[in-house]
Amino acid sequence: MIPPRFAANLDWLYTEHAYLDRPGTARADGFAAVELQQPHLHDVDELKSRLAGLHVALINAPAGDWAAGERGFAALAGHEERFRDATLRGLDLATRLGTARVHLLSGLTDDTPVARATWLDNLAWAAAQSTLPLVVEPINRRDMPGYFLHRQAQALELLAALNTPRVQLQLDLYHCRVAEGESLSHLQRALDLGVLGHVQLAGVAERQEPAEDEYAAELALLAGQDMRIGLEYRPRGDTSAGLAWLTGLRAAR
């Protein structure tokens, strides 16, 4: 049985199936919730129909031309209109899909005073437009070279300066371990500060299925939190067959 707190990321899991078939396959495997990284690339009405009965824990707002290397606009000076358009499109799509929260990507740029000021102005504007929680995610620069938001302390500093409960931290335990060496203390810090909005994980070695107890301490810390945990990993083989680590997870329930 899949513990209900977990959400299948349909852009990473079930890639052996056509995209619009993935919600049904996830549902058949026992998932009650999903995440969507690029739902804007698909027919919204058809996607909504396929998602019926599934909780959409998170979607990404459009992040530009992914194939060309774009990864969002929040920290990119001179791209404010693109950021606003992507944010409004993401919020509209979230409303149509019944999504819990929207991830706004920061973009590829150095961490400079100009980039920080741009990020703060853009996120303040976005927070004023939204009735949904917005989340921002530090992404390690091994996997995404040049990504603006890449360390936990950097993200916490910016969130403190922004000072709005509408924008929260999306803490991917995999990215945190790659960038910081460990994730437990950073998870505890985010919980203590009350800024944690969403959690994701993947096995650190190859961004594959985690070992059964790889995140035992973190999952125990999250016990009792009203929060879905997104599975954003690259299955070694067939997704369904690879879920054995999850169905046997001791700390997940």
C-alpha atoms as a PDB file:
ATOM      1  CA  MET A   1       0.000   0.000   0.000  1.00  0.00           C
ATOM      2  CA  ILE A   2       1.260   3.494  -0.885  1.00  0.00           C
ATOM      3  CA  PRO A   3       1.240   5.712   2.228  1.00  0.00           C
ATOM      4  CA  PRO A   4      -1.166   8.589   1.462  1.00  0.00           C
ATOM      5  CA  ARG A   5       1.325  11.309   2.365  1.00  0.00           C
ATOM      6  CA  PHE A   6       3.352  10.668  -0.820  1.00  0.00           C
ATOM      7  CA  ALA A   7       2.724  12.325  -4.196  1.00  0.00           C
ATOM      8  CA  ALA A   8       3.983  10.929  -7.488  1.00  0.00           C
ATOM      9  CA  ASN A   9       5.684  13.508  -9.692  1.00  0.00           C
ATOM     10  CA  LEU A  10       4.255  12.643 -13.097  1.00  0.00           C
ATOM     11  CA  ASP A  11       7.067  14.289 -15.047  1.00  0.00           C
ATOM     12  CA  TRP A  12       9.641  12.003 -13.379  1.00  0.00           C
ATOM     13  CA  LEU A  13       7.685   8.838 -12.603  1.00  0.00           C
ATOM     14  CA  TYR A  14       5.775   6.721 -15.121  1.00  0.00           C
ATOM     15  CA  THR A  15       7.697   8.032 -18.114  1.00  0.00           C
ATOM     16  CA  GLU A  16       7.192   4.616 -19.751  1.00  0.00           C
ATOM     17  CA  HIS A  17       3.595   5.769 -20.278  1.00  0.00           C
ATOM     18  CA  ALA A  18       2.129   8.630 -22.307  1.00  0.00           C
ATOM     19  CA  TYR A  19       1.717  11.696 -20.107  1.00  0.00           C
ATOM     20  CA  LEU A  20      -2.064  11.670 -20.010  1.00  0.00           C
ATOM     21  CA  ASP A  21      -2.032   7.995 -19.048  1.00  0.00           C
ATOM     22  CA  ARG A  22       0.199   8.591 -16.041  1.00  0.00           C
ATOM     23  CA  PRO A  23      -2.497   9.801 -13.606  1.00  0.00           C
ATOM     24  CA  GLY A  24      -4.483   6.604 -14.114  1.00  0.00           C
ATOM     25  CA  THR A  25      -1.411   4.439 -13.634  1.00  0.00           C
ATOM     26  CA  ALA A  26      -0.433   6.308 -10.470  1.00  0.00           C
ATOM     27  CA  ARG A  27      -3.985   5.913  -9.177  1.00  0.00           C
ATOM     28  CA  ALA A  28      -3.944   2.196  -9.942  1.00  0.00           C
ATOM     29  CA  ASP A  29      -0.682   1.857  -7.991  1.00  0.00           C
ATOM     30  CA  GLY A  30      -2.352   3.404  -4.947  1.00  0.00           C
ATOM     31  CA  PHE A  31      -1.255   7.039  -5.066  1.00  0.00           C
ATOM     32  CA  ALA A  32      -3.774   9.566  -3.810  1.00  0.00           C
ATOM     33  CA  ALA A  33      -1.744  12.636  -4.818  1.00  0.00           C
ATOM     34  CA  VAL A  34       0.483  13.813  -7.671  1.00  0.00           C
ATOM     35  CA  GLU A  35       2.776  16.675  -8.660  1.00  0.00           C
ATOM     36  CA  LEU A  36       2.983  18.165 -12.158  1.00  0.00           C
ATOM     37  CA  GLN A  37       6.114  19.877 -13.440  1.00  0.00           C
ATOM     38  CA  GLN A  38       4.944  21.051 -16.874  1.00  0.00           C
ATOM     39  CA  PRO A  39       1.156  20.654 -16.996  1.00  0.00           C
ATOM     40  CA  HIS A  40       0.863  23.714 -19.250  1.00  0.00           C
ATOM     41  CA  LEU A  41       2.218  21.617 -22.139  1.00  0.00           C
ATOM     42  CA  HIS A  42      -0.961  19.512 -22.198  1.00  0.00           C
ATOM     43  CA  ASP A  43      -4.662  20.037 -22.860  1.00  0.00           C
ATOM     44  CA  VAL A  44      -6.009  21.325 -19.557  1.00  0.00           C
ATOM     45  CA  ASP A  45      -9.505  19.891 -19.855  1.00  0.00           C
ATOM     46  CA  GLU A  46      -8.227  16.457 -20.767  1.00  0.00           C
ATOM     47  CA  LEU A  47      -5.618  16.584 -18.013  1.00  0.00           C
ATOM     48  CA  LYS A  48      -8.229  17.618 -15.458  1.00  0.00           C
ATOM     49  CA  SER A  49     -10.408  14.691 -16.516  1.00  0.00           C
ATOM     50  CA  ARG A  50      -7.527  12.232 -16.175  1.00  0.00           C
ATOM     51  CA  LEU A  51      -6.650  13.623 -12.721  1.00  0.00           C
ATOM     52  CA  ALA A  52     -10.146  13.073 -11.317  1.00  0.00           C
ATOM     53  CA  GLY A  53      -9.931  11.695  -7.784  1.00  0.00           C
ATOM     54  CA  LEU A  54      -6.259  12.638  -7.344  1.00  0.00           C
ATOM     55  CA  HIS A  55      -5.078  15.489  -5.135  1.00  0.00           C
ATOM     56  CA  VAL A  56      -2.736  17.800  -7.082  1.00  0.00           C
ATOM     57  CA  ALA A  57      -0.246  18.760  -4.404  1.00  0.00           C
ATOM     58  CA  LEU A  58       1.948  20.991  -6.554  1.00  0.00           C
ATOM     59  CA  ILE A  59       2.429  22.347 -10.045  1.00  0.00           C
ATOM     60  CA  ASN A  60       5.252  24.406 -11.506  1.00  0.00           C
ATOM     61  CA  ALA A  61       4.374  27.670 -13.177  1.00  0.00           C
ATOM     62  CA  PRO A  62       5.737  27.845 -16.738  1.00  0.00           C
ATOM     63  CA  ALA A  63       9.507  28.300 -16.653  1.00  0.00           C
ATOM     64  CA  GLY A  64      10.183  29.319 -20.252  1.00  0.00           C
ATOM     65  CA  ASP A  65      11.674  27.193 -23.006  1.00  0.00           C
ATOM     66  CA  TRP A  66      12.959  24.209 -21.002  1.00  0.00           C
ATOM     67  CA  ALA A  67      14.601  22.561 -24.009  1.00  0.00           C
ATOM     68  CA  ALA A  68      16.528  25.767 -24.699  1.00  0.00           C
ATOM     69  CA  GLY A  69      17.777  25.891 -21.117  1.00  0.00           C
ATOM     70  CA  GLU A  70      15.403  28.373 -19.497  1.00  0.00           C
ATOM     71  CA  ARG A  71      14.592  27.654 -15.850  1.00  0.00           C
ATOM     72  CA  GLY A  72      12.257  30.436 -14.785  1.00  0.00           C
ATOM     73  CA  PHE A  73      12.585  34.201 -14.424  1.00  0.00           C
ATOM     74  CA  ALA A  74      12.147  35.330 -10.815  1.00  0.00           C
ATOM     75  CA  ALA A  75      15.735  36.549 -10.354  1.00  0.00           C
ATOM     76  CA  LEU A  76      16.343  37.693 -13.946  1.00  0.00           C
ATOM     77  CA  ALA A  77      16.496  41.469 -14.264  1.00  0.00           C
ATOM     78  CA  GLY A  78      14.812  42.605 -17.472  1.00  0.00           C
ATOM     79  CA  HIS A  79      12.463  39.598 -17.553  1.00  0.00           C
ATOM     80  CA  GLU A  80       9.833  40.916 -15.168  1.00  0.00           C
ATOM     81  CA  GLU A  81       7.012  40.780 -17.723  1.00  0.00           C
ATOM     82  CA  ARG A  82       7.844  37.176 -18.559  1.00  0.00           C
ATOM     83  CA  PHE A  83       7.805  36.345 -14.855  1.00  0.00           C
ATOM     84  CA  ARG A  84       4.429  37.987 -14.384  1.00  0.00           C
ATOM     85  CA  ASP A  85       2.935  36.245 -17.391  1.00  0.00           C
ATOM     86  CA  ALA A  86       4.269  32.850 -16.241  1.00  0.00           C
ATOM     87  CA  THR A  87       2.979  33.434 -12.712  1.00  0.00           C
ATOM     88  CA  LEU A  88      -0.516  34.367 -13.853  1.00  0.00           C
ATOM     89  CA  ARG A  89      -0.622  31.406 -16.215  1.00  0.00           C
ATOM     90  CA  GLY A  90       0.488  29.115 -13.406  1.00  0.00           C
ATOM     91  CA  LEU A  91      -2.115  30.478 -11.000  1.00  0.00           C
ATOM     92  CA  ASP A  92      -4.876  30.124 -13.572  1.00  0.00           C
ATOM     93  CA  LEU A  93      -3.866  26.551 -14.301  1.00  0.00           C
ATOM     94  CA  ALA A  94      -3.669  25.769 -10.579  1.00  0.00           C
ATOM     95  CA  THR A  95      -7.211  27.051 -10.107  1.00  0.00           C
ATOM     96  CA  ARG A  96      -8.494  24.960 -12.995  1.00  0.00           C
ATOM     97  CA  LEU A  97      -6.781  21.806 -11.718  1.00  0.00           C
ATOM     98  CA  GLY A  98      -7.570  22.352  -8.036  1.00  0.00           C
ATOM     99  CA  THR A  99      -3.893  22.554  -7.127  1.00  0.00           C
ATOM    100  CA  ALA A 100      -2.710  23.116  -3.553  1.00  0.00           C
ATOM    101  CA  ARG A 101       0.370  25.257  -4.316  1.00  0.00           C
ATOM    102  CA  VAL A 102       2.460  26.663  -7.164  1.00  0.00           C
ATOM    103  CA  HIS A 103       6.242  26.541  -7.556  1.00  0.00           C
ATOM    104  CA  LEU A 104       7.808  29.661  -9.096  1.00  0.00           C
ATOM    105  CA  LEU A 105      11.266  29.018 -10.555  1.00  0.00           C
ATOM    106  CA  SER A 106      14.058  31.481  -9.957  1.00  0.00           C
ATOM    107  CA  GLY A 107      16.098  31.171 -13.155  1.00  0.00           C
ATOM    108  CA  LEU A 108      19.758  30.918 -14.082  1.00  0.00           C
ATOM    109  CA  THR A 109      21.812  33.853 -12.839  1.00  0.00           C
ATOM    110  CA  ASP A 110      24.543  34.650 -10.326  1.00  0.00           C
ATOM    111  CA  ASP A 111      23.605  35.555  -6.764  1.00  0.00           C
ATOM    112  CA  THR A 112      24.172  39.313  -7.014  1.00  0.00           C
ATOM    113  CA  PRO A 113      22.493  42.290  -5.306  1.00  0.00           C
ATOM    114  CA  VAL A 114      20.612  43.016  -8.537  1.00  0.00           C
ATOM    115  CA  ALA A 115      19.385  39.426  -8.814  1.00  0.00           C
ATOM    116  CA  ARG A 116      18.289  39.425  -5.173  1.00  0.00           C
ATOM    117  CA  ALA A 117      16.428  42.714  -5.543  1.00  0.00           C
ATOM    118  CA  THR A 118      14.735  41.435  -8.704  1.00  0.00           C
ATOM    119  CA  TRP A 119      13.741  38.186  -6.996  1.00  0.00           C
ATOM    120  CA  LEU A 120      12.305  40.023  -3.991  1.00  0.00           C
ATOM    121  CA  ASP A 121      10.322  42.461  -6.131  1.00  0.00           C
ATOM    122  CA  ASN A 122       8.962  39.667  -8.322  1.00  0.00           C
ATOM    123  CA  LEU A 123       7.973  37.401  -5.440  1.00  0.00           C
ATOM    124  CA  ALA A 124       6.325  40.288  -3.589  1.00  0.00           C
ATOM    125  CA  TRP A 125       4.274  41.002  -6.700  1.00  0.00           C
ATOM    126  CA  ALA A 126       3.381  37.312  -7.078  1.00  0.00           C
ATOM    127  CA  ALA A 127       2.311  37.029  -3.442  1.00  0.00           C
ATOM    128  CA  ALA A 128      -0.075  39.935  -3.937  1.00  0.00           C
ATOM    129  CA  GLN A 129      -1.736  38.165  -6.877  1.00  0.00           C
ATOM    130  CA  SER A 130      -2.239  34.778  -5.282  1.00  0.00           C
ATOM    131  CA  THR A 131      -4.694  33.219  -2.875  1.00  0.00           C
ATOM    132  CA  LEU A 132      -2.695  29.989  -3.061  1.00  0.00           C
ATOM    133  CA  PRO A 133       0.590  29.282  -1.280  1.00  0.00           C
ATOM    134  CA  LEU A 134       3.588  29.869  -3.543  1.00  0.00           C
ATOM    135  CA  VAL A 135       6.821  27.945  -3.064  1.00  0.00           C
ATOM    136  CA  VAL A 136      10.437  28.488  -4.097  1.00  0.00           C
ATOM    137  CA  GLU A 137      13.062  25.755  -4.222  1.00  0.00           C
ATOM    138  CA  PRO A 138      16.834  25.753  -3.778  1.00  0.00           C
ATOM    139  CA  ILE A 139      18.204  23.474  -6.525  1.00  0.00           C
ATOM    140  CA  ASN A 140      21.748  22.168  -6.349  1.00  0.00           C
ATOM    141  CA  ARG A 141      24.128  23.491  -8.991  1.00  0.00           C
ATOM    142  CA  ARG A 142      25.504  20.046  -9.847  1.00  0.00           C
ATOM    143  CA  ASP A 143      22.189  19.127 -11.413  1.00  0.00           C
ATOM    144  CA  MET A 144      21.251  22.636 -12.553  1.00  0.00           C
ATOM    145  CA  PRO A 145      24.414  24.719 -13.043  1.00  0.00           C
ATOM    146  CA  GLY A 146      23.919  28.424 -12.510  1.00  0.00           C
ATOM    147  CA  TYR A 147      20.534  28.232 -10.801  1.00  0.00           C
ATOM    148  CA  PHE A 148      20.054  31.344  -8.677  1.00  0.00           C
ATOM    149  CA  LEU A 149      18.449  29.788  -5.597  1.00  0.00           C
ATOM    150  CA  HIS A 150      20.801  26.969  -4.629  1.00  0.00           C
ATOM    151  CA  ARG A 151      21.495  26.983  -0.863  1.00  0.00           C
ATOM    152  CA  GLN A 152      19.127  26.674   2.088  1.00  0.00           C
ATOM    153  CA  ALA A 153      20.580  29.621   4.015  1.00  0.00           C
ATOM    154  CA  GLN A 154      20.244  31.807   0.921  1.00  0.00           C
ATOM    155  CA  ALA A 155      16.587  30.814   0.553  1.00  0.00           C
ATOM    156  CA  LEU A 156      15.830  31.425   4.240  1.00  0.00           C
ATOM    157  CA  GLU A 157      17.496  34.837   4.111  1.00  0.00           C
ATOM    158  CA  LEU A 158      15.425  35.855   1.099  1.00  0.00           C
ATOM    159  CA  LEU A 159      12.190  34.526   2.582  1.00  0.00           C
ATOM    160  CA  ALA A 160      12.877  36.480   5.770  1.00  0.00           C
ATOM    161  CA  ALA A 161      13.413  39.653   3.739  1.00  0.00           C
ATOM    162  CA  LEU A 162      10.251  38.970   1.741  1.00  0.00           C
ATOM    163  CA  ASN A 163       8.336  38.428   4.986  1.00  0.00           C
ATOM    164  CA  THR A 164       5.054  37.027   3.701  1.00  0.00           C
ATOM    165  CA  PRO A 165       3.421  33.716   4.649  1.00  0.00           C
ATOM    166  CA  ARG A 166       2.164  33.474   1.078  1.00  0.00           C
ATOM    167  CA  VAL A 167       5.646  32.400  -0.138  1.00  0.00           C
ATOM    168  CA  GLN A 168       7.097  29.270   1.449  1.00  0.00           C
ATOM    169  CA  LEU A 169      10.087  26.977   1.093  1.00  0.00           C
ATOM    170  CA  GLN A 170       9.998  23.908  -1.126  1.00  0.00           C
ATOM    171  CA  LEU A 171      12.690  21.703   0.402  1.00  0.00           C
ATOM    172  CA  ASP A 172      13.837  18.886  -1.842  1.00  0.00           C
ATOM    173  CA  LEU A 173      15.827  16.609   0.450  1.00  0.00           C
ATOM    174  CA  TYR A 174      17.837  15.284  -2.505  1.00  0.00           C
ATOM    175  CA  HIS A 175      18.944  18.748  -3.645  1.00  0.00           C
ATOM    176  CA  CYS A 176      19.677  19.672  -0.044  1.00  0.00           C
ATOM    177  CA  ARG A 177      21.907  16.656   0.546  1.00  0.00           C
ATOM    178  CA  VAL A 178      23.824  17.228  -2.686  1.00  0.00           C
ATOM    179  CA  ALA A 179      24.375  20.923  -1.968  1.00  0.00           C
ATOM    180  CA  GLU A 180      24.723  20.884   1.822  1.00  0.00           C
ATOM    181  CA  GLY A 181      25.929  17.363   2.650  1.00  0.00           C
ATOM    182  CA  GLU A 182      22.897  16.500   4.806  1.00  0.00           C
ATOM    183  CA  SER A 183      19.241  17.434   5.032  1.00  0.00           C
ATOM    184  CA  LEU A 184      17.961  16.725   8.545  1.00  0.00           C
ATOM    185  CA  SER A 185      19.168  19.935  10.228  1.00  0.00           C
ATOM    186  CA  HIS A 186      17.907  22.040   7.320  1.00  0.00           C
ATOM    187  CA  LEU A 187      14.496  20.397   7.502  1.00  0.00           C
ATOM    188  CA  GLN A 188      14.362  21.023  11.248  1.00  0.00           C
ATOM    189  CA  ARG A 189      15.342  24.667  10.723  1.00  0.00           C
ATOM    190  CA  ALA A 190      12.607  25.208   8.137  1.00  0.00           C
ATOM    191  CA  LEU A 191      10.030  23.652  10.458  1.00  0.00           C
ATOM    192  CA  ASP A 192      11.212  25.759  13.398  1.00  0.00           C
ATOM    193  CA  LEU A 193      10.914  28.936  11.320  1.00  0.00           C
ATOM    194  CA  GLY A 194       7.462  27.986  10.033  1.00  0.00           C
ATOM    195  CA  VAL A 195       8.424  28.465   6.384  1.00  0.00           C
ATOM    196  CA  LEU A 196       8.204  24.888   5.102  1.00  0.00           C
ATOM    197  CA  GLY A 197       5.579  24.573   2.387  1.00  0.00           C
ATOM    198  CA  HIS A 198       6.455  21.379   0.527  1.00  0.00           C
ATOM    199  CA  VAL A 199       8.966  18.521   0.623  1.00  0.00           C
ATOM    200  CA  GLN A 200      10.380  16.303  -2.118  1.00  0.00           C
ATOM    201  CA  LEU A 201      12.934  13.491  -2.162  1.00  0.00           C
ATOM    202  CA  ALA A 202      14.993  11.158  -4.324  1.00  0.00           C
ATOM    203  CA  GLY A 203      17.820   8.729  -3.726  1.00  0.00           C
ATOM    204  CA  VAL A 204      21.069  10.667  -3.576  1.00  0.00           C
ATOM    205  CA  ALA A 205      23.370   8.239  -5.372  1.00  0.00           C
ATOM    206  CA  GLU A 206      21.798   8.467  -8.834  1.00  0.00           C
ATOM    207  CA  ARG A 207      18.557  10.383  -8.199  1.00  0.00           C
ATOM    208  CA  GLN A 208      16.778   7.031  -8.313  1.00  0.00           C
ATOM    209  CA  GLU A 209      14.419   5.272  -5.903  1.00  0.00           C
ATOM    210  CA  PRO A 210      15.681   5.924  -2.378  1.00  0.00           C
ATOM    211  CA  ALA A 211      16.818   3.091  -0.181  1.00  0.00           C
ATOM    212  CA  GLU A 212      14.013   2.088   2.171  1.00  0.00           C
ATOM    213  CA  ASP A 213      15.405   3.949   5.188  1.00  0.00           C
ATOM    214  CA  GLU A 214      17.506   6.563   3.383  1.00  0.00           C
ATOM    215  CA  TYR A 215      15.315   9.356   4.746  1.00  0.00           C
ATOM    216  CA  ALA A 216      14.045   7.630   7.887  1.00  0.00           C
ATOM    217  CA  ALA A 217      15.016  10.489  10.222  1.00  0.00           C
ATOM    218  CA  GLU A 218      13.521  13.165   7.961  1.00  0.00           C
ATOM    219  CA  LEU A 219      10.267  11.240   7.503  1.00  0.00           C
ATOM    220  CA  ALA A 220      10.008  10.691  11.236  1.00  0.00           C
ATOM    221  CA  LEU A 221      10.465  14.437  11.755  1.00  0.00           C
ATOM    222  CA  LEU A 222       7.650  15.095   9.287  1.00  0.00           C
ATOM    223  CA  ALA A 223       5.277  12.667  10.993  1.00  0.00           C
ATOM    224  CA  GLY A 224       2.134  14.516  11.955  1.00  0.00           C
ATOM    225  CA  GLN A 225       2.785  17.397   9.558  1.00  0.00           C
ATOM    226  CA  ASP A 226      -0.113  18.101   7.184  1.00  0.00           C
ATOM    227  CA  MET A 227       2.125  17.937   4.145  1.00  0.00           C
ATOM    228  CA  ARG A 228       2.504  15.782   1.043  1.00  0.00           C
ATOM    229  CA  ILE A 229       5.973  14.528   0.113  1.00  0.00           C
ATOM    230  CA  GLY A 230       6.732  14.586  -3.588  1.00  0.00           C
ATOM    231  CA  LEU A 231       8.627  11.736  -5.241  1.00  0.00           C
ATOM    232  CA  GLU A 232      10.816  13.418  -7.828  1.00  0.00           C
ATOM    233  CA  TYR A 233      13.216  10.686  -8.847  1.00  0.00           C
ATOM    234  CA  ARG A 234      14.274   8.821 -11.974  1.00  0.00           C
ATOM    235  CA  PRO A 235      13.148   5.177 -11.687  1.00  0.00           C
ATOM    236  CA  ARG A 236      15.800   2.587 -12.507  1.00  0.00           C
ATOM    237  CA  GLY A 237      13.260   0.640 -14.539  1.00  0.00           C
ATOM    238  CA  ASP A 238       9.503   0.188 -14.520  1.00  0.00           C
ATOM    239  CA  THR A 239       8.030   2.743 -12.118  1.00  0.00           C
ATOM    240  CA  SER A 240       5.414   0.456 -10.614  1.00  0.00           C
ATOM    241  CA  ALA A 241       7.888  -2.341  -9.985  1.00  0.00           C
ATOM    242  CA  GLY A 242      10.256   0.130  -8.345  1.00  0.00           C
ATOM    243  CA  LEU A 243       7.737   1.197  -5.692  1.00  0.00           C
ATOM    244  CA  ALA A 244       8.647  -1.693  -3.398  1.00  0.00           C
ATOM    245  CA  TRP A 245      10.869   0.653  -1.337  1.00  0.00           C
ATOM    246  CA  LEU A 246       7.799   2.765  -0.592  1.00  0.00           C
ATOM    247  CA  THR A 247       5.292   0.070   0.263  1.00  0.00           C
ATOM    248  CA  GLY A 248       7.715  -1.325   2.857  1.00  0.00           C
ATOM    249  CA  LEU A 249       8.709   2.003   4.331  1.00  0.00           C
ATOM    250  CA  ARG A 250       8.591   1.846   8.141  1.00  0.00           C
ATOM    251  CA  ALA A 251       8.757   5.576   8.874  1.00  0.00           C
ATOM    252  CA  ALA A 252       6.214   6.629   6.272  1.00  0.00           C
ATOM    253  CA  ARG A 253       2.951   5.802   8.013  1.00  0.00           C
END
